[in-house]
Amino acid sequence: MKKIVIMIVCAFVIVSLYAQAGALNVIKPAIADRDLVIPVSEVTENAVFYPVDIEGTRLEVLAVKVPDGTIRTAFNTCQVCYRSGRGFYKQQGTVLVCQNCGNRFRMSQVGVRSGGCNPVPIFASDKTVTGTSITISKDFLKEAKAIFAQWKRG
């Protein structure tokens, strides 16, 4: 009987840990062929993923609040691995992990630099930020279609 109780408790702990890890990857409902407006109130230290369909191509933007309170944005595709179709990120604990090469990033690295194996940044000049929202124009999203041509987010 004691072994059964221990097995049940262990199974519960394992299921709980997997559920918590999955809860970190918040994916919002997709929008189509318009500006992406991200409410500032939705953005926390856990990455939030925003799918966008632009002229039949699925893109995804990620937004995260870093420890200094800054909100960072990037396209959810790796600058090096995007051609593989699997160069997108999932949050694991306090880092983002490229699903193609396994490279890991602290949240504070999102949207900071261009080049290398990093999420494709969306810099301040590429968006409009107010106290309540971050707007990324449809025209800017349209320019990014090519890096999502092979994208296979599962």
C-alpha atoms as a PDB file:
ATOM      1  CA  MET A   1       0.000   0.000   0.000  1.00  0.00           C
ATOM      2  CA  LYS A   2       2.821   2.391   0.909  1.00  0.00           C
ATOM      3  CA  LYS A   3       4.456   1.805  -2.507  1.00  0.00           C
ATOM      4  CA  ILE A   4       1.202   2.657  -4.294  1.00  0.00           C
ATOM      5  CA  VAL A   5       0.852   5.924  -2.380  1.00  0.00           C
ATOM      6  CA  ILE A   6       4.465   6.848  -3.179  1.00  0.00           C
ATOM      7  CA  MET A   7       3.913   6.040  -6.871  1.00  0.00           C
ATOM      8  CA  ILE A   8       0.753   8.176  -6.979  1.00  0.00           C
ATOM      9  CA  VAL A   9       2.505  11.101  -5.302  1.00  0.00           C
ATOM     10  CA  CYS A  10       5.468  10.816  -7.706  1.00  0.00           C
ATOM     11  CA  ALA A  11       3.135  10.697 -10.714  1.00  0.00           C
ATOM     12  CA  PHE A  12       1.278  13.776  -9.432  1.00  0.00           C
ATOM     13  CA  VAL A  13       4.550  15.701  -8.988  1.00  0.00           C
ATOM     14  CA  ILE A  14       5.747  14.785 -12.486  1.00  0.00           C
ATOM     15  CA  VAL A  15       2.442  15.774 -14.110  1.00  0.00           C
ATOM     16  CA  SER A  16       2.442  19.047 -12.160  1.00  0.00           C
ATOM     17  CA  LEU A  17       5.964  19.912 -13.292  1.00  0.00           C
ATOM     18  CA  TYR A  18       5.133  19.248 -16.944  1.00  0.00           C
ATOM     19  CA  ALA A  19       1.940  21.302 -16.658  1.00  0.00           C
ATOM     20  CA  GLN A  20       3.874  24.226 -15.169  1.00  0.00           C
ATOM     21  CA  ALA A  21       6.505  24.047 -17.910  1.00  0.00           C
ATOM     22  CA  GLY A  22       3.800  24.048 -20.584  1.00  0.00           C
ATOM     23  CA  ALA A  23       2.048  26.979 -18.937  1.00  0.00           C
ATOM     24  CA  LEU A  24       5.122  29.121 -19.586  1.00  0.00           C
ATOM     25  CA  ASN A  25       4.497  28.944 -23.333  1.00  0.00           C
ATOM     26  CA  VAL A  26       1.460  31.202 -23.642  1.00  0.00           C
ATOM     27  CA  ILE A  27       0.268  31.444 -27.234  1.00  0.00           C
ATOM     28  CA  LYS A  28      -2.404  34.040 -27.960  1.00  0.00           C
ATOM     29  CA  PRO A  29      -5.096  33.671 -30.652  1.00  0.00           C
ATOM     30  CA  ALA A  30      -3.889  34.480 -34.170  1.00  0.00           C
ATOM     31  CA  ILE A  31      -4.740  37.699 -35.964  1.00  0.00           C
ATOM     32  CA  ALA A  32      -4.750  38.140 -39.740  1.00  0.00           C
ATOM     33  CA  ASP A  33      -3.591  40.870 -42.120  1.00  0.00           C
ATOM     34  CA  ARG A  34      -3.510  43.793 -39.709  1.00  0.00           C
ATOM     35  CA  ASP A  35      -1.251  45.559 -37.229  1.00  0.00           C
ATOM     36  CA  LEU A  36      -0.331  43.519 -34.166  1.00  0.00           C
ATOM     37  CA  VAL A  37      -1.335  45.339 -30.979  1.00  0.00           C
ATOM     38  CA  ILE A  38       0.104  43.858 -27.789  1.00  0.00           C
ATOM     39  CA  PRO A  39      -1.471  45.084 -24.540  1.00  0.00           C
ATOM     40  CA  VAL A  40       1.346  46.007 -22.135  1.00  0.00           C
ATOM     41  CA  SER A  41      -0.739  44.485 -19.317  1.00  0.00           C
ATOM     42  CA  GLU A  42      -0.352  40.994 -20.889  1.00  0.00           C
ATOM     43  CA  VAL A  43       3.434  41.033 -20.902  1.00  0.00           C
ATOM     44  CA  THR A  44       5.222  39.439 -17.931  1.00  0.00           C
ATOM     45  CA  GLU A  45       8.534  37.722 -17.219  1.00  0.00           C
ATOM     46  CA  ASN A  46       7.137  34.699 -19.066  1.00  0.00           C
ATOM     47  CA  ALA A  47       7.283  35.041 -22.847  1.00  0.00           C
ATOM     48  CA  VAL A  48       3.968  35.547 -24.602  1.00  0.00           C
ATOM     49  CA  PHE A  49       3.740  34.409 -28.228  1.00  0.00           C
ATOM     50  CA  TYR A  50       1.535  36.299 -30.712  1.00  0.00           C
ATOM     51  CA  PRO A  51       0.734  34.479 -33.984  1.00  0.00           C
ATOM     52  CA  VAL A  52       0.019  36.665 -37.003  1.00  0.00           C
ATOM     53  CA  ASP A  53      -1.092  35.588 -40.467  1.00  0.00           C
ATOM     54  CA  ILE A  54       0.151  38.005 -43.118  1.00  0.00           C
ATOM     55  CA  GLU A  55      -1.058  37.257 -46.643  1.00  0.00           C
ATOM     56  CA  GLY A  56      -1.109  33.509 -45.950  1.00  0.00           C
ATOM     57  CA  THR A  57       2.230  33.315 -44.124  1.00  0.00           C
ATOM     58  CA  ARG A  58       2.174  32.528 -40.417  1.00  0.00           C
ATOM     59  CA  LEU A  59       4.555  34.647 -38.343  1.00  0.00           C
ATOM     60  CA  GLU A  60       4.962  34.814 -34.590  1.00  0.00           C
ATOM     61  CA  VAL A  61       6.118  37.632 -32.337  1.00  0.00           C
ATOM     62  CA  LEU A  62       7.253  37.088 -28.782  1.00  0.00           C
ATOM     63  CA  ALA A  63       7.103  39.675 -26.022  1.00  0.00           C
ATOM     64  CA  VAL A  64       8.633  39.475 -22.558  1.00  0.00           C
ATOM     65  CA  LYS A  65       9.291  41.817 -19.638  1.00  0.00           C
ATOM     66  CA  VAL A  66      12.934  41.632 -18.557  1.00  0.00           C
ATOM     67  CA  PRO A  67      14.155  42.165 -14.961  1.00  0.00           C
ATOM     68  CA  ASP A  68      14.686  45.928 -15.408  1.00  0.00           C
ATOM     69  CA  GLY A  69      10.992  46.287 -16.409  1.00  0.00           C
ATOM     70  CA  THR A  70      11.686  46.817 -20.108  1.00  0.00           C
ATOM     71  CA  ILE A  71       9.425  45.004 -22.551  1.00  0.00           C
ATOM     72  CA  ARG A  72      11.349  43.299 -25.336  1.00  0.00           C
ATOM     73  CA  THR A  73       9.948  42.010 -28.609  1.00  0.00           C
ATOM     74  CA  ALA A  74      11.337  39.748 -31.314  1.00  0.00           C
ATOM     75  CA  PHE A  75      10.156  37.496 -34.085  1.00  0.00           C
ATOM     76  CA  ASN A  76       9.924  33.941 -32.799  1.00  0.00           C
ATOM     77  CA  THR A  77      12.478  32.604 -35.220  1.00  0.00           C
ATOM     78  CA  CYS A  78      16.225  32.169 -34.984  1.00  0.00           C
ATOM     79  CA  GLN A  79      18.442  34.398 -37.131  1.00  0.00           C
ATOM     80  CA  VAL A  80      20.576  31.374 -38.045  1.00  0.00           C
ATOM     81  CA  CYS A  81      18.152  28.432 -37.932  1.00  0.00           C
ATOM     82  CA  TYR A  82      15.045  29.976 -39.560  1.00  0.00           C
ATOM     83  CA  ARG A  83      15.610  28.137 -42.856  1.00  0.00           C
ATOM     84  CA  SER A  84      15.277  24.786 -41.064  1.00  0.00           C
ATOM     85  CA  GLY A  85      11.649  25.550 -40.221  1.00  0.00           C
ATOM     86  CA  ARG A  86      12.345  24.513 -36.610  1.00  0.00           C
ATOM     87  CA  GLY A  87      14.266  27.627 -35.608  1.00  0.00           C
ATOM     88  CA  PHE A  88      11.660  28.877 -33.162  1.00  0.00           C
ATOM     89  CA  TYR A  89      11.786  29.279 -29.395  1.00  0.00           C
ATOM     90  CA  LYS A  90       9.968  27.776 -26.460  1.00  0.00           C
ATOM     91  CA  GLN A  91      10.389  28.935 -22.898  1.00  0.00           C
ATOM     92  CA  GLN A  92      11.925  26.450 -20.484  1.00  0.00           C
ATOM     93  CA  GLY A  93      12.128  27.858 -16.989  1.00  0.00           C
ATOM     94  CA  THR A  94      13.747  31.271 -17.221  1.00  0.00           C
ATOM     95  CA  VAL A  95      15.280  30.838 -20.699  1.00  0.00           C
ATOM     96  CA  LEU A  96      14.191  30.558 -24.325  1.00  0.00           C
ATOM     97  CA  VAL A  97      15.469  27.500 -26.197  1.00  0.00           C
ATOM     98  CA  CYS A  98      15.833  27.261 -29.995  1.00  0.00           C
ATOM     99  CA  GLN A  99      13.982  24.130 -31.079  1.00  0.00           C
ATOM    100  CA  ASN A 100      16.481  23.514 -33.888  1.00  0.00           C
ATOM    101  CA  CYS A 101      19.965  24.015 -32.408  1.00  0.00           C
ATOM    102  CA  GLY A 102      19.191  24.060 -28.676  1.00  0.00           C
ATOM    103  CA  ASN A 103      20.813  27.463 -28.097  1.00  0.00           C
ATOM    104  CA  ARG A 104      19.523  29.031 -24.861  1.00  0.00           C
ATOM    105  CA  PHE A 105      18.816  32.705 -24.160  1.00  0.00           C
ATOM    106  CA  ARG A 106      18.109  34.666 -21.046  1.00  0.00           C
ATOM    107  CA  MET A 107      15.013  36.831 -21.435  1.00  0.00           C
ATOM    108  CA  SER A 108      17.189  39.934 -21.098  1.00  0.00           C
ATOM    109  CA  GLN A 109      18.875  38.997 -24.408  1.00  0.00           C
ATOM    110  CA  VAL A 110      15.639  39.152 -26.423  1.00  0.00           C
ATOM    111  CA  GLY A 111      15.429  41.978 -28.933  1.00  0.00           C
ATOM    112  CA  VAL A 112      18.893  43.338 -28.131  1.00  0.00           C
ATOM    113  CA  ARG A 113      21.112  42.431 -31.043  1.00  0.00           C
ATOM    114  CA  SER A 114      20.932  41.440 -34.645  1.00  0.00           C
ATOM    115  CA  GLY A 115      23.000  38.581 -36.036  1.00  0.00           C
ATOM    116  CA  GLY A 116      24.018  35.213 -34.687  1.00  0.00           C
ATOM    117  CA  CYS A 117      21.805  32.553 -33.198  1.00  0.00           C
ATOM    118  CA  ASN A 118      19.295  34.910 -31.566  1.00  0.00           C
ATOM    119  CA  PRO A 119      15.599  35.616 -31.976  1.00  0.00           C
ATOM    120  CA  VAL A 120      15.165  38.178 -34.787  1.00  0.00           C
ATOM    121  CA  PRO A 121      14.843  41.469 -32.871  1.00  0.00           C
ATOM    122  CA  ILE A 122      12.065  44.005 -33.238  1.00  0.00           C
ATOM    123  CA  PHE A 123      13.797  47.229 -32.263  1.00  0.00           C
ATOM    124  CA  ALA A 124      12.173  50.391 -30.853  1.00  0.00           C
ATOM    125  CA  SER A 125      12.265  51.978 -34.310  1.00  0.00           C
ATOM    126  CA  ASP A 126      10.156  49.077 -35.664  1.00  0.00           C
ATOM    127  CA  LYS A 127       7.215  49.524 -33.301  1.00  0.00           C
ATOM    128  CA  THR A 128       5.093  52.137 -31.582  1.00  0.00           C
ATOM    129  CA  VAL A 129       5.008  51.949 -27.796  1.00  0.00           C
ATOM    130  CA  THR A 130       2.552  53.738 -25.521  1.00  0.00           C
ATOM    131  CA  GLY A 131       1.808  53.274 -21.845  1.00  0.00           C
ATOM    132  CA  THR A 132      -0.834  50.675 -22.693  1.00  0.00           C
ATOM    133  CA  SER A 133       0.217  48.978 -25.928  1.00  0.00           C
ATOM    134  CA  ILE A 134       2.938  48.000 -28.352  1.00  0.00           C
ATOM    135  CA  THR A 135       1.947  48.205 -32.012  1.00  0.00           C
ATOM    136  CA  ILE A 136       3.866  46.477 -34.778  1.00  0.00           C
ATOM    137  CA  SER A 137       2.583  47.577 -38.171  1.00  0.00           C
ATOM    138  CA  LYS A 138       1.275  45.205 -40.791  1.00  0.00           C
ATOM    139  CA  ASP A 139       3.811  46.694 -43.235  1.00  0.00           C
ATOM    140  CA  PHE A 140       6.713  45.811 -40.917  1.00  0.00           C
ATOM    141  CA  LEU A 141       5.298  42.316 -40.354  1.00  0.00           C
ATOM    142  CA  LYS A 142       4.958  41.900 -44.113  1.00  0.00           C
ATOM    143  CA  GLU A 143       8.705  42.585 -44.507  1.00  0.00           C
ATOM    144  CA  ALA A 144       9.419  39.573 -42.253  1.00  0.00           C
ATOM    145  CA  LYS A 145       7.415  37.023 -44.250  1.00  0.00           C
ATOM    146  CA  ALA A 146      10.526  35.525 -45.882  1.00  0.00           C
ATOM    147  CA  ILE A 147      12.057  34.407 -42.570  1.00  0.00           C
ATOM    148  CA  PHE A 148       8.879  32.442 -41.814  1.00  0.00           C
ATOM    149  CA  ALA A 149       8.507  30.752 -45.237  1.00  0.00           C
ATOM    150  CA  GLN A 150       9.711  27.356 -43.896  1.00  0.00           C
ATOM    151  CA  TRP A 151       8.409  27.790 -40.346  1.00  0.00           C
ATOM    152  CA  LYS A 152       6.965  24.627 -38.746  1.00  0.00           C
ATOM    153  CA  ARG A 153       5.937  25.577 -35.222  1.00  0.00           C
ATOM    154  CA  GLY A 154       4.325  22.519 -33.686  1.00  0.00           C
END
